[in-house]
Amino acid sequence: MMKPANMNTPGRTIGFSRAAEFVTVTVAGQMLGLPINQVHDVFVVSEMTTVPLALPEIAGLLNLRGRVVTAVSLRRRLGLTDPDSTERRMAVGLEHGGEAYGLLVDEVGEVLKLDPDAMQPNPVHMDSRWVGLSQGVHQLQDKLLIILDVDAVLTFETEREAA
């Protein structure tokens, strides 16, 4: 006769043990999630050098501990205007195609562990620019968390045309 499996058996997956983790950021009052396995750093932006003739989404270049990082405005990628104030600007460090990027956001929040099966499709009336950069949404207690597709956020029109 076989014994029932013990729920505390090492290696057994129960509940949220397979939860996906997301770093939350806020842009224009909307909470967004970035998969934690794609986030390298979170930092305050000090000085930024503008890049002549760059795409509008490219805010400039940053020096992060001796490494040149391309600063991308998430607001501009989402079709929003830049904030009125440029006091404490936050960035999330990511990599894409072997290049380092700093994604400029309004605020960096906490890390959330969410059940991947609870992710829902994007709402039907969501702006098409946002849909193109999103993997789906999680309904939290009092707000909607939009999960960003980092590859889509860091792929620009010129790269899509060249492919």
Protein backbone atom coordinates (compact mmCIF):
# COMPACT_ATOMS: atom_id res chain seq x y z
CA MET A 1 0.00 0.00 0.00
CA MET A 2 1.36 3.45 -0.97
CA LYS A 3 1.49 6.20 1.58
CA PRO A 4 0.07 9.60 0.60
CA ALA A 5 2.78 12.12 -0.25
CA ASN A 6 3.75 14.38 2.61
CA MET A 7 3.02 18.00 1.69
CA ASN A 8 6.32 19.01 3.33
CA THR A 9 8.42 16.63 1.26
CA PRO A 10 11.51 18.49 0.01
CA GLY A 11 11.29 19.29 -3.68
CA ARG A 12 7.50 19.14 -3.76
CA THR A 13 5.90 22.24 -5.24
CA ILE A 14 3.01 23.59 -3.22
CA GLY A 15 1.08 26.84 -3.29
CA PHE A 16 3.14 29.87 -4.24
CA SER A 17 6.49 28.10 -4.36
CA ARG A 18 6.41 28.52 -8.14
CA ALA A 19 5.40 32.17 -7.87
CA ALA A 20 6.80 34.66 -10.33
CA GLU A 21 8.53 37.68 -8.81
CA PHE A 22 8.15 41.19 -10.18
CA VAL A 23 9.80 44.50 -9.31
CA THR A 24 7.01 47.07 -9.26
CA VAL A 25 7.47 50.53 -10.71
CA THR A 26 5.09 53.43 -11.15
CA VAL A 27 4.73 55.62 -14.24
CA ALA A 28 2.08 58.35 -14.35
CA GLY A 29 0.27 56.75 -11.41
CA GLN A 30 0.06 53.29 -13.03
CA MET A 31 1.79 50.36 -11.34
CA LEU A 32 3.82 48.17 -13.70
CA GLY A 33 5.73 44.95 -13.07
CA LEU A 34 9.13 43.93 -14.42
CA PRO A 35 10.19 40.27 -14.11
CA ILE A 36 12.82 40.26 -11.36
CA ASN A 37 15.08 37.87 -13.27
CA GLN A 38 15.59 40.61 -15.88
CA VAL A 39 16.36 43.42 -13.40
CA HIS A 40 20.05 44.02 -12.64
CA ASP A 41 19.99 47.28 -10.67
CA VAL A 42 17.76 49.97 -9.28
CA PHE A 43 19.42 53.37 -9.04
CA VAL A 44 18.92 57.12 -8.79
CA VAL A 45 19.83 58.95 -11.99
CA SER A 46 22.31 61.74 -11.41
CA GLU A 47 23.74 63.12 -14.64
CA MET A 48 22.60 62.18 -18.11
CA THR A 49 24.16 63.07 -21.47
CA THR A 50 21.74 63.66 -24.34
CA VAL A 51 22.26 61.77 -27.60
CA PRO A 52 21.84 63.89 -30.76
CA LEU A 53 19.41 62.47 -33.35
CA ALA A 54 18.39 59.59 -31.07
CA LEU A 55 14.86 58.20 -31.03
CA PRO A 56 12.52 60.18 -28.77
CA GLU A 57 12.37 57.29 -26.28
CA ILE A 58 16.13 57.51 -25.69
CA ALA A 59 16.52 60.04 -22.88
CA GLY A 60 20.33 59.94 -22.96
CA LEU A 61 23.38 58.08 -21.71
CA LEU A 62 24.26 57.36 -18.10
CA ASN A 63 27.50 56.38 -16.42
CA LEU A 64 26.71 53.56 -14.02
CA ARG A 65 29.86 52.57 -12.12
CA GLY A 66 32.04 53.16 -15.17
CA ARG A 67 29.66 51.46 -17.62
CA VAL A 68 27.79 53.40 -20.31
CA VAL A 69 24.07 52.75 -20.04
CA THR A 70 21.36 53.89 -22.47
CA ALA A 71 18.57 55.67 -20.58
CA VAL A 72 15.11 54.85 -21.96
CA SER A 73 12.10 56.90 -20.89
CA LEU A 74 9.30 54.46 -20.06
CA ARG A 75 6.87 57.39 -20.14
CA ARG A 76 7.80 58.12 -23.76
CA ARG A 77 7.65 54.41 -24.69
CA LEU A 78 4.09 54.37 -23.35
CA GLY A 79 3.12 57.52 -25.28
CA LEU A 80 3.08 59.78 -22.22
CA THR A 81 4.69 63.16 -21.65
CA ASP A 82 7.72 63.66 -19.43
CA PRO A 83 7.06 64.65 -15.81
CA ASP A 84 7.07 68.34 -14.93
CA SER A 85 9.73 67.89 -12.28
CA THR A 86 13.08 66.22 -12.79
CA GLU A 87 14.08 66.02 -9.13
CA ARG A 88 14.81 62.47 -7.99
CA ARG A 89 14.68 60.33 -11.16
CA MET A 90 14.76 56.57 -10.71
CA ALA A 91 15.94 53.92 -13.15
CA VAL A 92 15.82 50.16 -13.37
CA GLY A 93 18.91 48.53 -14.90
CA LEU A 94 18.15 45.92 -17.58
CA GLU A 95 20.01 44.14 -20.38
CA HIS A 96 18.78 43.46 -23.89
CA GLY A 97 20.76 42.16 -26.84
CA GLY A 98 24.02 42.48 -24.90
CA GLU A 99 23.43 46.19 -24.21
CA ALA A 100 22.83 47.83 -20.83
CA TYR A 101 19.75 50.01 -20.36
CA GLY A 102 18.38 52.17 -17.58
CA LEU A 103 14.58 52.30 -17.75
CA LEU A 104 13.50 55.68 -16.36
CA VAL A 105 10.45 55.42 -14.08
CA ASP A 106 8.65 57.73 -11.66
CA GLU A 107 9.01 55.43 -8.63
CA VAL A 108 10.32 52.00 -7.75
CA GLY A 109 8.12 49.99 -5.41
CA GLU A 110 8.42 46.57 -3.87
CA VAL A 111 8.96 43.04 -5.11
CA LEU A 112 5.73 41.06 -5.45
CA LYS A 113 5.40 37.28 -5.66
CA LEU A 114 2.43 36.40 -7.85
CA ASP A 115 0.90 33.17 -9.07
CA PRO A 116 1.65 32.96 -12.82
CA ASP A 117 -1.71 31.24 -13.39
CA ALA A 118 -3.48 34.35 -12.05
CA MET A 119 -2.18 36.56 -14.88
CA GLN A 120 -5.00 37.74 -17.13
CA PRO A 121 -4.98 39.04 -20.71
CA ASN A 122 -4.76 42.77 -21.29
CA PRO A 123 -8.08 44.61 -20.97
CA VAL A 124 -9.78 45.01 -24.38
CA HIS A 125 -9.85 48.81 -24.17
CA MET A 126 -6.21 49.22 -23.19
CA ASP A 127 -4.20 51.64 -25.37
CA SER A 128 -2.52 49.72 -28.22
CA ARG A 129 0.93 51.13 -27.34
CA TRP A 130 0.54 49.69 -23.84
CA VAL A 131 -0.76 46.34 -25.15
CA GLY A 132 2.30 46.02 -27.39
CA LEU A 133 4.60 46.37 -24.38
CA SER A 134 2.61 44.20 -21.96
CA GLN A 135 2.44 40.46 -21.29
CA GLY A 136 -0.82 40.72 -19.34
CA VAL A 137 -2.18 42.00 -16.04
CA HIS A 138 -2.62 40.91 -12.44
CA GLN A 139 -5.61 42.16 -10.50
CA LEU A 140 -4.38 43.18 -7.05
CA GLN A 141 -6.66 44.13 -4.16
CA ASP A 142 -7.04 47.77 -5.10
CA LYS A 143 -5.25 48.22 -8.45
CA LEU A 144 -4.22 46.65 -11.71
CA LEU A 145 -0.59 45.60 -12.18
CA ILE A 146 0.49 45.63 -15.83
CA ILE A 147 3.29 43.14 -16.49
CA LEU A 148 5.77 44.60 -18.96
CA ASP A 149 7.45 42.59 -21.71
CA VAL A 150 11.04 43.81 -21.28
CA ASP A 151 12.09 42.63 -24.76
CA ALA A 152 9.24 44.62 -26.34
CA VAL A 153 10.00 47.71 -24.25
CA LEU A 154 13.65 47.65 -25.37
CA THR A 155 13.01 46.88 -29.05
CA PHE A 156 12.61 50.07 -31.02
CA GLU A 157 11.00 50.71 -34.43
CA THR A 158 14.37 50.96 -36.20
CA GLU A 159 15.33 47.50 -34.89
CA ARG A 160 11.96 46.03 -35.93
CA GLU A 161 12.32 47.49 -39.44
CA ALA A 162 15.84 46.06 -39.80
CA ALA A 163 14.74 42.57 -38.76
